[in-house]
Amino acid sequence: MKIAIASDHAGFELKVHVKEYLEKEGHVVKDFGPFSGESSDYPDFAHPLAKAVENKEFDLGISMCGSGNGINITANKHAGIRSALCWRKDIAELARQHNDANICAIPARFVTVAEAKGIIDAFLGADFEGGRHKRRIDKIPL
């Protein structure tokens, strides 16, 4: 898969591990930044990631910030994005199956690297179920 990733300073260390893991698993990864752990603003990285996923340049996106909330909220400002805050594997799986989420937002201060890998595996391994769920997500855009 082609995966877009981004974070802020609070998610930087986890993003380094995630990028390495995804590449080792054979995925093509584009890192939208930041490229150091210095203080940074998540919208500066969330918007380019979301735009690229929205434009179908990437199959899916993975974002990280301290709580996961800020980067998640920012990505969801894009009409074609369904970013889901995922802190457990089952939530990540359901986000794909029921919500057709195309970005997984991870709370970097609240999960370990091993937990993040499990969340990512669940997210990437699940498929949208369609059916009644399609009807519901079709009602999301204004």
Protein backbone atom coordinates (compact mmCIF):
# COMPACT_ATOMS: atom_id res chain seq x y z
CA MET A 1 0.00 0.00 0.00
CA LYS A 2 0.95 3.63 -0.37
CA ILE A 3 0.72 5.18 3.10
CA ALA A 4 0.98 8.86 4.06
CA ILE A 5 2.16 9.66 7.59
CA ALA A 6 2.46 12.84 9.65
CA SER A 7 2.70 13.99 13.24
CA ASP A 8 3.64 16.93 15.39
CA HIS A 9 6.52 17.12 17.88
CA ALA A 10 4.64 14.97 20.42
CA GLY A 11 4.17 12.23 17.86
CA PHE A 12 7.56 12.53 16.20
CA GLU A 13 9.33 9.68 18.01
CA LEU A 14 6.44 7.29 17.44
CA LYS A 15 6.25 8.35 13.78
CA VAL A 16 9.91 7.38 13.29
CA HIS A 17 9.11 3.86 14.56
CA VAL A 18 5.91 3.66 12.52
CA LYS A 19 7.64 4.72 9.31
CA GLU A 20 10.39 2.14 9.80
CA TYR A 21 7.81 -0.56 10.58
CA LEU A 22 5.64 0.22 7.56
CA GLU A 23 8.61 0.22 5.19
CA LYS A 24 9.82 -3.08 6.66
CA GLU A 25 6.34 -4.50 5.97
CA GLY A 26 6.73 -3.52 2.30
CA HIS A 27 4.58 -0.39 2.19
CA VAL A 28 5.55 2.75 0.27
CA VAL A 29 5.59 5.55 2.84
CA LYS A 30 5.58 9.33 2.39
CA ASP A 31 6.42 11.31 5.51
CA PHE A 32 4.73 14.72 5.56
CA GLY A 33 6.73 15.81 8.62
CA PRO A 34 7.87 17.06 10.94
CA PHE A 35 11.44 15.94 10.56
CA SER A 36 12.60 16.65 14.11
CA GLY A 37 11.18 16.60 17.62
CA GLU A 38 11.26 20.39 17.94
CA SER A 39 7.99 22.10 18.80
CA SER A 40 5.67 22.17 15.79
CA ASP A 41 2.04 22.74 14.90
CA TYR A 42 0.02 19.70 13.80
CA PRO A 43 -2.07 21.58 11.19
CA ASP A 44 1.11 22.27 9.20
CA PHE A 45 1.45 18.52 8.63
CA ALA A 46 -2.14 17.28 8.90
CA HIS A 47 -3.45 19.43 6.03
CA PRO A 48 -0.90 18.23 3.42
CA LEU A 49 -1.39 14.60 4.51
CA ALA A 50 -5.18 14.90 4.37
CA LYS A 51 -5.09 16.63 0.98
CA ALA A 52 -2.89 13.86 -0.45
CA VAL A 53 -5.16 11.09 0.89
CA GLU A 54 -8.26 12.99 -0.25
CA ASN A 55 -6.77 13.29 -3.75
CA LYS A 56 -6.13 9.51 -3.76
CA GLU A 57 -2.35 9.93 -4.05
CA PHE A 58 -2.16 7.47 -1.12
CA ASP A 59 -4.29 4.52 -0.11
CA LEU A 60 -4.49 5.50 3.55
CA GLY A 61 -2.95 7.86 6.09
CA ILE A 62 -1.62 7.53 9.63
CA SER A 63 -1.25 10.57 11.86
CA MET A 64 0.03 11.05 15.39
CA CYS A 65 0.03 13.82 17.95
CA GLY A 66 0.04 13.86 21.74
CA SER A 67 -3.64 13.04 22.29
CA GLY A 68 -4.42 12.29 18.65
CA ASN A 69 -7.27 14.78 18.82
CA GLY A 70 -5.74 17.89 17.26
CA ILE A 71 -4.34 16.16 14.20
CA ASN A 72 -7.58 14.16 13.85
CA ILE A 73 -9.80 17.25 14.01
CA THR A 74 -7.61 19.04 11.46
CA ALA A 75 -7.66 16.16 8.97
CA ASN A 76 -11.44 15.92 9.26
CA LYS A 77 -11.80 19.48 7.96
CA HIS A 78 -11.25 17.96 4.50
CA ALA A 79 -14.51 16.82 2.90
CA GLY A 80 -13.08 13.55 1.54
CA ILE A 81 -11.44 12.52 4.79
CA ARG A 82 -12.79 10.25 7.48
CA SER A 83 -10.07 10.31 10.12
CA ALA A 84 -10.63 8.12 13.16
CA LEU A 85 -8.98 8.44 16.56
CA CYS A 86 -7.73 4.93 17.33
CA TRP A 87 -6.15 3.89 20.62
CA ARG A 88 -7.03 0.19 20.45
CA LYS A 89 -6.87 -2.43 17.71
CA ASP A 90 -10.60 -3.12 17.73
CA ILE A 91 -11.43 0.56 17.33
CA ALA A 92 -9.05 0.80 14.36
CA GLU A 93 -10.61 -2.25 12.75
CA LEU A 94 -14.16 -0.94 13.23
CA ALA A 95 -13.13 2.49 11.91
CA ARG A 96 -12.29 0.84 8.59
CA GLN A 97 -15.13 -1.71 8.56
CA HIS A 98 -17.99 0.58 9.58
CA ASN A 99 -16.78 4.12 8.85
CA ASP A 100 -14.52 3.60 5.83
CA ALA A 101 -11.91 5.66 7.69
CA ASN A 102 -9.03 6.66 5.45
CA ILE A 103 -6.78 8.13 8.16
CA CYS A 104 -5.91 6.54 11.48
CA ALA A 105 -5.05 9.12 14.17
CA ILE A 106 -3.02 7.69 17.04
CA PRO A 107 -2.57 9.32 20.49
CA ALA A 108 1.23 9.10 20.75
CA ARG A 109 1.41 9.93 24.47
CA PHE A 110 -0.99 7.15 25.36
CA VAL A 111 0.16 4.10 23.37
CA THR A 112 3.39 2.15 23.22
CA VAL A 113 5.22 1.46 19.96
CA ALA A 114 3.99 -2.15 20.10
CA GLU A 115 0.40 -1.01 20.64
CA ALA A 116 0.70 1.46 17.75
CA LYS A 117 1.92 -1.31 15.45
CA GLY A 118 -1.07 -3.45 16.44
CA ILE A 119 -3.45 -0.53 15.81
CA ILE A 120 -1.88 0.07 12.40
CA ASP A 121 -2.03 -3.62 11.45
CA ALA A 122 -5.71 -3.73 12.39
CA PHE A 123 -6.44 -0.54 10.44
CA LEU A 124 -4.58 -1.61 7.31
CA GLY A 125 -5.91 -5.16 7.46
CA ALA A 126 -9.59 -4.29 7.64
CA ASP A 127 -11.89 -3.56 4.72
CA PHE A 128 -15.00 -1.41 4.53
CA GLU A 129 -18.11 -3.58 4.83
CA GLY A 130 -20.41 -1.26 2.86
CA GLY A 131 -24.14 -1.99 3.11
CA ARG A 132 -25.87 -0.08 5.89
CA HIS A 133 -22.54 1.56 6.74
CA LYS A 134 -22.27 3.06 3.25
CA ARG A 135 -25.68 4.67 3.64
CA ARG A 136 -24.52 6.26 6.88
CA ILE A 137 -21.20 7.61 5.68
CA ASP A 138 -22.90 9.03 2.58
CA LYS A 139 -24.84 11.29 4.98
CA ILE A 140 -21.69 12.77 6.57
CA PRO A 141 -20.72 15.52 4.06
CA LEU A 142 -22.69 18.76 4.29
